[in-house]
PDB file of all heavy atoms in Angstrom:
ATOM      1  N   GLN A   1      92.778  86.734 112.513  1.00  0.00           N
ATOM      2  CA  GLN A   1      92.152  86.198 113.708  1.00  0.00           C
ATOM      3  C   GLN A   1      90.984  85.274 113.385  1.00  0.00           C
ATOM      4  O   GLN A   1      90.763  84.276 114.055  1.00  0.00           O
ATOM      5  CB  GLN A   1      91.674  87.344 114.602  1.00  0.00           C
ATOM      6  CG  GLN A   1      91.189  86.888 115.976  1.00  0.00           C
ATOM      7  CD  GLN A   1      90.906  88.040 116.896  1.00  0.00           C
ATOM      8  OE1 GLN A   1      90.976  89.184 116.502  1.00  0.00           O
ATOM      9  NE2 GLN A   1      90.591  87.731 118.144  1.00  0.00           N
ATOM     10  N   ASP A   2      90.248  85.601 112.326  1.00  0.00           N
ATOM     11  CA  ASP A   2      89.070  84.810 111.987  1.00  0.00           C
ATOM     12  C   ASP A   2      89.273  83.896 110.790  1.00  0.00           C
ATOM     13  O   ASP A   2      88.326  83.379 110.222  1.00  0.00           O
ATOM     14  CB  ASP A   2      87.879  85.734 111.727  1.00  0.00           C
ATOM     15  CG  ASP A   2      88.130  86.695 110.550  1.00  0.00           C
ATOM     16  OD1 ASP A   2      89.296  86.793 110.113  1.00  0.00           O
ATOM     17  OD2 ASP A   2      87.174  87.337 110.084  1.00  0.00           O
ATOM     18  N   GLY A   3      90.532  83.689 110.393  1.00  0.00           N
ATOM     19  CA  GLY A   3      90.801  82.822 109.244  1.00  0.00           C
ATOM     20  C   GLY A   3      92.079  83.225 108.538  1.00  0.00           C
ATOM     21  O   GLY A   3      93.125  83.374 109.167  1.00  0.00           O
ATOM     22  N   PHE A   4      92.026  83.419 107.238  1.00  0.00           N
ATOM     23  CA  PHE A   4      93.194  83.882 106.498  1.00  0.00           C
ATOM     24  C   PHE A   4      92.759  84.635 105.256  1.00  0.00           C
ATOM     25  O   PHE A   4      91.645  84.472 104.757  1.00  0.00           O
ATOM     26  CB  PHE A   4      94.118  82.713 106.111  1.00  0.00           C
ATOM     27  CG  PHE A   4      93.510  81.707 105.180  1.00  0.00           C
ATOM     28  CD1 PHE A   4      93.630  81.845 103.804  1.00  0.00           C
ATOM     29  CD2 PHE A   4      92.830  80.598 105.675  1.00  0.00           C
ATOM     30  CE1 PHE A   4      93.080  80.921 102.935  1.00  0.00           C
ATOM     31  CE2 PHE A   4      92.269  79.659 104.817  1.00  0.00           C
ATOM     32  CZ  PHE A   4      92.396  79.824 103.444  1.00  0.00           C
ATOM     33  N   GLU A   5      93.654  85.482 104.779  1.00  0.00           N
ATOM     34  CA  GLU A   5      93.421  86.240 103.553  1.00  0.00           C
ATOM     35  C   GLU A   5      94.405  85.773 102.493  1.00  0.00           C
ATOM     36  O   GLU A   5      95.589  85.571 102.777  1.00  0.00           O
ATOM     37  CB  GLU A   5      93.610  87.733 103.820  1.00  0.00           C
ATOM     38  CG  GLU A   5      93.396  88.613 102.592  1.00  0.00           C
ATOM     39  CD  GLU A   5      93.590  90.087 102.878  1.00  0.00           C
ATOM     40  OE1 GLU A   5      93.837  90.429 104.049  1.00  0.00           O
ATOM     41  OE2 GLU A   5      93.503  90.893 101.931  1.00  0.00           O
ATOM     42  N   VAL A   6      93.911  85.584 101.287  1.00  0.00           N
ATOM     43  CA  VAL A   6      94.778  85.198 100.176  1.00  0.00           C
ATOM     44  C   VAL A   6      95.214  86.466  99.445  1.00  0.00           C
ATOM     45  O   VAL A   6      94.382  87.276  99.043  1.00  0.00           O
ATOM     46  CB  VAL A   6      94.040  84.260  99.195  1.00  0.00           C
ATOM     47  CG1 VAL A   6      94.956  83.874  98.031  1.00  0.00           C
ATOM     48  CG2 VAL A   6      93.544  83.009  99.916  1.00  0.00           C
ATOM     49  N   VAL A   7      96.526  86.650  99.311  1.00  0.00           N
ATOM     50  CA  VAL A   7      97.036  87.848  98.644  1.00  0.00           C
ATOM     51  C   VAL A   7      97.968  87.466  97.506  1.00  0.00           C
ATOM     52  O   VAL A   7      98.596  86.409  97.512  1.00  0.00           O
ATOM     53  CB  VAL A   7      97.782  88.776  99.633  1.00  0.00           C
ATOM     54  CG1 VAL A   7      96.878  89.205 100.766  1.00  0.00           C
ATOM     55  CG2 VAL A   7      99.034  88.111 100.177  1.00  0.00           C
ATOM     56  N   ASN A   8      98.040  88.341  96.531  1.00  0.00           N
ATOM     57  CA  ASN A   8      98.963  88.186  95.411  1.00  0.00           C
ATOM     58  C   ASN A   8     100.333  88.665  95.871  1.00  0.00           C
ATOM     59  O   ASN A   8     100.485  89.795  96.321  1.00  0.00           O
ATOM     60  CB  ASN A   8      98.462  89.034  94.239  1.00  0.00           C
ATOM     61  CG  ASN A   8      99.235  88.760  92.967  1.00  0.00           C
ATOM     62  OD1 ASN A   8     100.436  88.481  92.991  1.00  0.00           O
ATOM     63  ND2 ASN A   8      98.560  88.852  91.829  1.00  0.00           N
ATOM     64  N   ILE A   9     101.344  87.812  95.783  1.00  0.00           N
ATOM     65  CA  ILE A   9     102.660  88.195  96.282  1.00  0.00           C
ATOM     66  C   ILE A   9     103.228  89.397  95.536  1.00  0.00           C
ATOM     67  O   ILE A   9     104.028  90.163  96.084  1.00  0.00           O
ATOM     68  CB  ILE A   9     103.657  87.020  96.215  1.00  0.00           C
ATOM     69  CG1 ILE A   9     103.883  86.559  94.767  1.00  0.00           C
ATOM     70  CG2 ILE A   9     103.203  85.876  97.091  1.00  0.00           C
ATOM     71  CD1 ILE A   9     104.955  85.494  94.639  1.00  0.00           C
ATOM     72  N   TYR A  10     102.792  89.614  94.309  1.00  0.00           N
ATOM     73  CA  TYR A  10     103.322  90.729  93.536  1.00  0.00           C
ATOM     74  C   TYR A  10     102.687  92.061  93.925  1.00  0.00           C
ATOM     75  O   TYR A  10     103.105  93.115  93.452  1.00  0.00           O
ATOM     76  CB  TYR A  10     103.165  90.450  92.040  1.00  0.00           C
ATOM     77  CG  TYR A  10     103.836  89.147  91.646  1.00  0.00           C
ATOM     78  CD1 TYR A  10     103.086  88.036  91.269  1.00  0.00           C
ATOM     79  CD2 TYR A  10     105.228  89.008  91.723  1.00  0.00           C
ATOM     80  CE1 TYR A  10     103.699  86.828  90.961  1.00  0.00           C
ATOM     81  CE2 TYR A  10     105.847  87.810  91.413  1.00  0.00           C
ATOM     82  CZ  TYR A  10     105.086  86.729  91.032  1.00  0.00           C
ATOM     83  OH  TYR A  10     105.696  85.533  90.742  1.00  0.00           O
ATOM     84  N   ASP A  11     101.685  91.994  94.802  1.00  0.00           N
ATOM     85  CA  ASP A  11     101.120  93.227  95.353  1.00  0.00           C
ATOM     86  C   ASP A  11     101.892  93.697  96.577  1.00  0.00           C
ATOM     87  O   ASP A  11     101.685  94.807  97.060  1.00  0.00           O
ATOM     88  CB  ASP A  11      99.647  93.018  95.742  1.00  0.00           C
ATOM     89  CG  ASP A  11      98.740  92.850  94.521  1.00  0.00           C
ATOM     90  OD1 ASP A  11      99.122  93.334  93.437  1.00  0.00           O
ATOM     91  OD2 ASP A  11      97.666  92.233  94.661  1.00  0.00           O
ATOM     92  N   ILE A  12     102.789  92.846  97.090  1.00  0.00           N
ATOM     93  CA  ILE A  12     103.605  93.204  98.245  1.00  0.00           C
ATOM     94  C   ILE A  12     104.778  94.052  97.777  1.00  0.00           C
ATOM     95  O   ILE A  12     105.520  93.670  96.868  1.00  0.00           O
ATOM     96  CB  ILE A  12     104.125  91.947  98.970  1.00  0.00           C
ATOM     97  CG1 ILE A  12     102.950  91.098  99.466  1.00  0.00           C
ATOM     98  CG2 ILE A  12     105.042  92.333 100.132  1.00  0.00           C
ATOM     99  CD1 ILE A  12     103.378  89.743 100.033  1.00  0.00           C
ATOM    100  N   VAL A  13     104.949  95.210  98.400  1.00  0.00           N
ATOM    101  CA  VAL A  13     106.071  96.085  98.049  1.00  0.00           C
ATOM    102  C   VAL A  13     107.286  95.744  98.905  1.00  0.00           C
ATOM    103  O   VAL A  13     108.390  95.569  98.397  1.00  0.00           O
ATOM    104  CB  VAL A  13     105.695  97.574  98.226  1.00  0.00           C
ATOM    105  CG1 VAL A  13     106.880  98.478  97.887  1.00  0.00           C
ATOM    106  CG2 VAL A  13     104.496  97.922  97.347  1.00  0.00           C
ATOM    107  N   PHE A  14     107.095  95.655 100.201  1.00  0.00           N
ATOM    108  CA  PHE A  14     108.182  95.237 101.089  1.00  0.00           C
ATOM    109  C   PHE A  14     107.609  94.726 102.401  1.00  0.00           C
ATOM    110  O   PHE A  14     106.440  94.948 102.732  1.00  0.00           O
ATOM    111  CB  PHE A  14     109.186  96.366 101.337  1.00  0.00           C
ATOM    112  CG  PHE A  14     108.663  97.504 102.180  1.00  0.00           C
ATOM    113  CD1 PHE A  14     108.868  97.544 103.559  1.00  0.00           C
ATOM    114  CD2 PHE A  14     107.994  98.571 101.598  1.00  0.00           C
ATOM    115  CE1 PHE A  14     108.399  98.593 104.332  1.00  0.00           C
ATOM    116  CE2 PHE A  14     107.530  99.631 102.361  1.00  0.00           C
ATOM    117  CZ  PHE A  14     107.730  99.639 103.744  1.00  0.00           C
ATOM    118  N   CYS A  15     108.463  94.044 103.154  1.00  0.00           N
ATOM    119  CA  CYS A  15     108.105  93.546 104.484  1.00  0.00           C
ATOM    120  C   CYS A  15     109.113  94.099 105.484  1.00  0.00           C
ATOM    121  O   CYS A  15     110.312  94.143 105.203  1.00  0.00           O
ATOM    122  CB  CYS A  15     108.136  92.019 104.522  1.00  0.00           C
ATOM    123  SG  CYS A  15     106.999  91.202 103.377  1.00  0.00           S
ATOM    124  N   LYS A  16     108.614  94.494 106.638  1.00  0.00           N
ATOM    125  CA  LYS A  16     109.464  95.091 107.671  1.00  0.00           C
ATOM    126  C   LYS A  16     109.314  94.320 108.968  1.00  0.00           C
ATOM    127  O   LYS A  16     108.210  94.055 109.425  1.00  0.00           O
ATOM    128  CB  LYS A  16     109.077  96.560 107.893  1.00  0.00           C
ATOM    129  CG  LYS A  16     109.887  97.261 108.973  1.00  0.00           C
ATOM    130  CD  LYS A  16     109.384  98.675 109.202  1.00  0.00           C
ATOM    131  CE  LYS A  16     110.147  99.356 110.329  1.00  0.00           C
ATOM    132  NZ  LYS A  16     109.618 100.724 110.599  1.00  0.00           N
ATOM    133  N   ALA A  17     110.461  93.977 109.592  1.00  0.00           N
ATOM    134  CA  ALA A  17     110.437  93.251 110.848  1.00  0.00           C
ATOM    135  C   ALA A  17     109.937  94.140 111.977  1.00  0.00           C
ATOM    136  O   ALA A  17     110.262  95.325 112.052  1.00  0.00           O
ATOM    137  CB  ALA A  17     111.828  92.736 111.183  1.00  0.00           C
ATOM    138  N   ASP A  18     109.133  93.545 112.851  1.00  0.00           N
ATOM    139  CA  ASP A  18     108.639  94.236 114.044  1.00  0.00           C
ATOM    140  C   ASP A  18     108.628  93.211 115.170  1.00  0.00           C
ATOM    141  O   ASP A  18     107.603  92.618 115.483  1.00  0.00           O
ATOM    142  CB  ASP A  18     107.239  94.802 113.797  1.00  0.00           C
ATOM    143  CG  ASP A  18     106.720  95.633 114.962  1.00  0.00           C
ATOM    144  OD1 ASP A  18     107.447  95.750 115.971  1.00  0.00           O
ATOM    145  OD2 ASP A  18     105.599  96.159 114.875  1.00  0.00           O
ATOM    146  N   ASP A  19     109.827  93.002 115.775  1.00  0.00           N
ATOM    147  CA  ASP A  19     110.035  91.937 116.764  1.00  0.00           C
ATOM    148  C   ASP A  19     109.642  90.596 116.144  1.00  0.00           C
ATOM    149  O   ASP A  19     110.178  90.233 115.106  1.00  0.00           O
ATOM    150  CB  ASP A  19     109.241  92.218 118.036  1.00  0.00           C
ATOM    151  CG  ASP A  19     109.797  93.427 118.795  1.00  0.00           C
ATOM    152  OD1 ASP A  19     111.019  93.635 118.724  1.00  0.00           O
ATOM    153  OD2 ASP A  19     109.018  94.151 119.430  1.00  0.00           O
ATOM    154  N   ASN A  20     108.693  89.891 116.750  1.00  0.00           N
ATOM    155  CA  ASN A  20     108.274  88.590 116.215  1.00  0.00           C
ATOM    156  C   ASN A  20     107.121  88.717 115.232  1.00  0.00           C
ATOM    157  O   ASN A  20     106.523  87.711 114.838  1.00  0.00           O
ATOM    158  CB  ASN A  20     107.886  87.647 117.359  1.00  0.00           C
ATOM    159  CG  ASN A  20     109.086  87.205 118.172  1.00  0.00           C
ATOM    160  OD1 ASN A  20     110.163  86.993 117.627  1.00  0.00           O
ATOM    161  ND2 ASN A  20     108.908  87.076 119.472  1.00  0.00           N
ATOM    162  N   TYR A  21     106.808  89.944 114.857  1.00  0.00           N
ATOM    163  CA  TYR A  21     105.772  90.220 113.867  1.00  0.00           C
ATOM    164  C   TYR A  21     106.423  90.768 112.600  1.00  0.00           C
ATOM    165  O   TYR A  21     107.608  91.116 112.580  1.00  0.00           O
ATOM    166  CB  TYR A  21     104.756  91.237 114.398  1.00  0.00           C
ATOM    167  CG  TYR A  21     103.867  90.707 115.491  1.00  0.00           C
ATOM    168  CD1 TYR A  21     104.328  90.594 116.803  1.00  0.00           C
ATOM    169  CD2 TYR A  21     102.559  90.313 115.226  1.00  0.00           C
ATOM    170  CE1 TYR A  21     103.513  90.097 117.815  1.00  0.00           C
ATOM    171  CE2 TYR A  21     101.736  89.823 116.229  1.00  0.00           C
ATOM    172  CZ  TYR A  21     102.225  89.716 117.523  1.00  0.00           C
ATOM    173  OH  TYR A  21     101.411  89.234 118.513  1.00  0.00           O
ATOM    174  N   THR A  22     105.637  90.850 111.553  1.00  0.00           N
ATOM    175  CA  THR A  22     106.102  91.449 110.302  1.00  0.00           C
ATOM    176  C   THR A  22     105.038  92.383 109.758  1.00  0.00           C
ATOM    177  O   THR A  22     103.860  92.009 109.686  1.00  0.00           O
ATOM    178  CB  THR A  22     106.409  90.364 109.241  1.00  0.00           C
ATOM    179  OG1 THR A  22     107.449  89.515 109.719  1.00  0.00           O
ATOM    180  CG2 THR A  22     106.835  90.993 107.920  1.00  0.00           C
ATOM    181  N   GLU A  23     105.468  93.597 109.393  1.00  0.00           N
ATOM    182  CA  GLU A  23     104.580  94.509 108.680  1.00  0.00           C
ATOM    183  C   GLU A  23     104.686  94.189 107.194  1.00  0.00           C
ATOM    184  O   GLU A  23     105.756  94.305 106.606  1.00  0.00           O
ATOM    185  CB  GLU A  23     104.981  95.969 108.906  1.00  0.00           C
ATOM    186  CG  GLU A  23     104.729  96.493 110.297  1.00  0.00           C
ATOM    187  CD  GLU A  23     105.124  97.963 110.418  1.00  0.00           C
ATOM    188  OE1 GLU A  23     105.524  98.571 109.389  1.00  0.00           O
ATOM    189  OE2 GLU A  23     105.042  98.511 111.530  1.00  0.00           O
ATOM    190  N   VAL A  24     103.585  93.777 106.589  1.00  0.00           N
ATOM    191  CA  VAL A  24     103.562  93.503 105.151  1.00  0.00           C
ATOM    192  C   VAL A  24     102.964  94.730 104.473  1.00  0.00           C
ATOM    193  O   VAL A  24     101.796  95.061 104.690  1.00  0.00           O
ATOM    194  CB  VAL A  24     102.735  92.247 104.836  1.00  0.00           C
ATOM    195  CG1 VAL A  24     102.737  91.973 103.328  1.00  0.00           C
ATOM    196  CG2 VAL A  24     103.279  91.041 105.597  1.00  0.00           C
ATOM    197  N   HIS A  25     103.774  95.406 103.678  1.00  0.00           N
ATOM    198  CA  HIS A  25     103.360  96.661 103.054  1.00  0.00           C
ATOM    199  C   HIS A  25     102.947  96.437 101.597  1.00  0.00           C
ATOM    200  O   HIS A  25     103.690  95.847 100.815  1.00  0.00           O
ATOM    201  CB  HIS A  25     104.506  97.684 103.089  1.00  0.00           C
ATOM    202  CG  HIS A  25     104.777  98.212 104.466  1.00  0.00           C
ATOM    203  ND1 HIS A  25     104.460  99.500 104.834  1.00  0.00           N
ATOM    204  CD2 HIS A  25     105.321  97.626 105.571  1.00  0.00           C
ATOM    205  CE1 HIS A  25     104.806  99.696 106.101  1.00  0.00           C
ATOM    206  NE2 HIS A  25     105.334  98.571 106.567  1.00  0.00           N
ATOM    207  N   PHE A  26     101.755  96.916 101.285  1.00  0.00           N
ATOM    208  CA  PHE A  26     101.256  96.909  99.921  1.00  0.00           C
ATOM    209  C   PHE A  26     101.319  98.335  99.388  1.00  0.00           C
ATOM    210  O   PHE A  26     101.774  99.248 100.081  1.00  0.00           O
ATOM    211  CB  PHE A  26      99.827  96.370  99.888  1.00  0.00           C
ATOM    212  CG  PHE A  26      99.696  94.986 100.471  1.00  0.00           C
ATOM    213  CD1 PHE A  26      99.433  94.808 101.831  1.00  0.00           C
ATOM    214  CD2 PHE A  26      99.854  93.866  99.676  1.00  0.00           C
ATOM    215  CE1 PHE A  26      99.327  93.543 102.374  1.00  0.00           C
ATOM    216  CE2 PHE A  26      99.743  92.589 100.214  1.00  0.00           C
ATOM    217  CZ  PHE A  26      99.484  92.430 101.574  1.00  0.00           C
ATOM    218  N   LYS A  27     100.891  98.544  98.180  1.00  0.00           N
ATOM    219  CA  LYS A  27     100.980  99.885  97.594  1.00  0.00           C
ATOM    220  C   LYS A  27     100.187 100.922  98.396  1.00  0.00           C
ATOM    221  O   LYS A  27     100.639 102.054  98.569  1.00  0.00           O
ATOM    222  CB  LYS A  27     100.488  99.850  96.141  1.00  0.00           C
ATOM    223  CG  LYS A  27     101.445  99.124  95.183  1.00  0.00           C
ATOM    224  CD  LYS A  27     100.919  99.152  93.756  1.00  0.00           C
ATOM    225  CE  LYS A  27     101.945  98.591  92.781  1.00  0.00           C
ATOM    226  NZ  LYS A  27     102.292  97.192  93.047  1.00  0.00           N
ATOM    227  N   ASP A  28      99.020 100.536  98.890  1.00  0.00           N
ATOM    228  CA  ASP A  28      98.169 101.510  99.580  1.00  0.00           C
ATOM    229  C   ASP A  28      97.780 101.093 100.997  1.00  0.00           C
ATOM    230  O   ASP A  28      96.933 101.743 101.613  1.00  0.00           O
ATOM    231  CB  ASP A  28      96.884 101.744  98.770  1.00  0.00           C
ATOM    232  CG  ASP A  28      97.172 102.254  97.365  1.00  0.00           C
ATOM    233  OD1 ASP A  28      97.971 103.189  97.243  1.00  0.00           O
ATOM    234  OD2 ASP A  28      96.607 101.698  96.411  1.00  0.00           O
ATOM    235  N   SER A  29      98.382 100.034 101.512  1.00  0.00           N
ATOM    236  CA  SER A  29      97.992  99.558 102.840  1.00  0.00           C
ATOM    237  C   SER A  29      99.098  98.705 103.428  1.00  0.00           C
ATOM    238  O   SER A  29     100.109  98.415 102.764  1.00  0.00           O
ATOM    239  CB  SER A  29      96.699  98.756 102.758  1.00  0.00           C
ATOM    240  OG  SER A  29      96.886  97.585 101.974  1.00  0.00           O
ATOM    241  N   LYS A  30      98.908  98.306 104.671  1.00  0.00           N
ATOM    242  CA  LYS A  30      99.846  97.386 105.311  1.00  0.00           C
ATOM    243  C   LYS A  30      99.091  96.504 106.299  1.00  0.00           C
ATOM    244  O   LYS A  30      98.012  96.863 106.777  1.00  0.00           O
ATOM    245  CB  LYS A  30     100.969  98.143 106.019  1.00  0.00           C
ATOM    246  CG  LYS A  30     100.542  98.945 107.227  1.00  0.00           C
ATOM    247  CD  LYS A  30     101.743  99.622 107.885  1.00  0.00           C
ATOM    248  CE  LYS A  30     101.325 100.447 109.108  1.00  0.00           C
ATOM    249  NZ  LYS A  30     102.478 101.104 109.747  1.00  0.00           N
ATOM    250  N   LYS A  31      99.680  95.342 106.599  1.00  0.00           N
ATOM    251  CA  LYS A  31      99.079  94.408 107.537  1.00  0.00           C
ATOM    252  C   LYS A  31     100.159  93.932 108.506  1.00  0.00           C
ATOM    253  O   LYS A  31     101.293  93.672 108.095  1.00  0.00           O
ATOM    254  CB  LYS A  31      98.479  93.206 106.807  1.00  0.00           C
ATOM    255  CG  LYS A  31      97.380  93.553 105.816  1.00  0.00           C
ATOM    256  CD  LYS A  31      96.836  92.310 105.138  1.00  0.00           C
ATOM    257  CE  LYS A  31      95.809  92.664 104.062  1.00  0.00           C
ATOM    258  NZ  LYS A  31      94.631  93.320 104.638  1.00  0.00           N
ATOM    259  N   LEU A  32      99.797  93.837 109.778  1.00  0.00           N
ATOM    260  CA  LEU A  32     100.708  93.305 110.786  1.00  0.00           C
ATOM    261  C   LEU A  32     100.403  91.816 110.953  1.00  0.00           C
ATOM    262  O   LEU A  32      99.284  91.440 111.289  1.00  0.00           O
ATOM    263  CB  LEU A  32     100.533  94.038 112.112  1.00  0.00           C
ATOM    264  CG  LEU A  32     101.526  93.663 113.224  1.00  0.00           C
ATOM    265  CD1 LEU A  32     102.954  94.026 112.814  1.00  0.00           C
ATOM    266  CD2 LEU A  32     101.159  94.358 114.528  1.00  0.00           C
ATOM    267  N   VAL A  33     101.415  90.983 110.708  1.00  0.00           N
ATOM    268  CA  VAL A  33     101.225  89.533 110.694  1.00  0.00           C
ATOM    269  C   VAL A  33     102.087  88.892 111.785  1.00  0.00           C
ATOM    270  O   VAL A  33     103.244  89.275 111.967  1.00  0.00           O
ATOM    271  CB  VAL A  33     101.604  88.944 109.317  1.00  0.00           C
ATOM    272  CG1 VAL A  33     101.347  87.447 109.282  1.00  0.00           C
ATOM    273  CG2 VAL A  33     100.838  89.642 108.208  1.00  0.00           C
ATOM    274  N   SER A  34     101.538  87.935 112.480  1.00  0.00           N
ATOM    275  CA  SER A  34     102.252  87.287 113.588  1.00  0.00           C
ATOM    276  C   SER A  34     103.208  86.207 113.086  1.00  0.00           C
ATOM    277  O   SER A  34     103.143  85.047 113.498  1.00  0.00           O
ATOM    278  CB  SER A  34     101.257  86.687 114.580  1.00  0.00           C
ATOM    279  OG  SER A  34     100.415  85.745 113.932  1.00  0.00           O
ATOM    280  N   LYS A  35     104.096  86.609 112.195  1.00  0.00           N
ATOM    281  CA  LYS A  35     105.169  85.754 111.690  1.00  0.00           C
ATOM    282  C   LYS A  35     106.437  86.601 111.610  1.00  0.00           C
ATOM    283  O   LYS A  35     106.382  87.814 111.413  1.00  0.00           O
ATOM    284  CB  LYS A  35     104.832  85.191 110.301  1.00  0.00           C
ATOM    285  CG  LYS A  35     103.590  84.316 110.238  1.00  0.00           C
ATOM    286  CD  LYS A  35     103.804  82.991 110.954  1.00  0.00           C
ATOM    287  CE  LYS A  35     102.572  82.098 110.833  1.00  0.00           C
ATOM    288  NZ  LYS A  35     102.740  80.836 111.584  1.00  0.00           N
ATOM    289  N   THR A  36     107.602  85.950 111.757  1.00  0.00           N
ATOM    290  CA  THR A  36     108.864  86.683 111.697  1.00  0.00           C
ATOM    291  C   THR A  36     109.227  87.035 110.257  1.00  0.00           C
ATOM    292  O   THR A  36     108.717  86.426 109.307  1.00  0.00           O
ATOM    293  CB  THR A  36     110.012  85.867 112.302  1.00  0.00           C
ATOM    294  OG1 THR A  36     110.211  84.684 111.503  1.00  0.00           O
ATOM    295  CG2 THR A  36     109.696  85.463 113.733  1.00  0.00           C
ATOM    296  N   LEU A  37     110.142  88.000 110.099  1.00  0.00           N
ATOM    297  CA  LEU A  37     110.594  88.364 108.759  1.00  0.00           C
ATOM    298  C   LEU A  37     111.331  87.198 108.104  1.00  0.00           C
ATOM    299  O   LEU A  37     111.219  86.984 106.892  1.00  0.00           O
ATOM    300  CB  LEU A  37     111.499  89.599 108.840  1.00  0.00           C
ATOM    301  CG  LEU A  37     111.907  90.208 107.501  1.00  0.00           C
ATOM    302  CD1 LEU A  37     110.695  90.705 106.727  1.00  0.00           C
ATOM    303  CD2 LEU A  37     112.899  91.360 107.708  1.00  0.00           C
TER     304      LEU A  37
END
């Protein structure tokens, strides 16, 4: 909402579709992103 976060793609374990959003799952956390899978 206030900008963007830079992440290492190799820290992403998997991504899960949630309608028009995507849950990006890391080893110890997840983020809901307003982009499609």
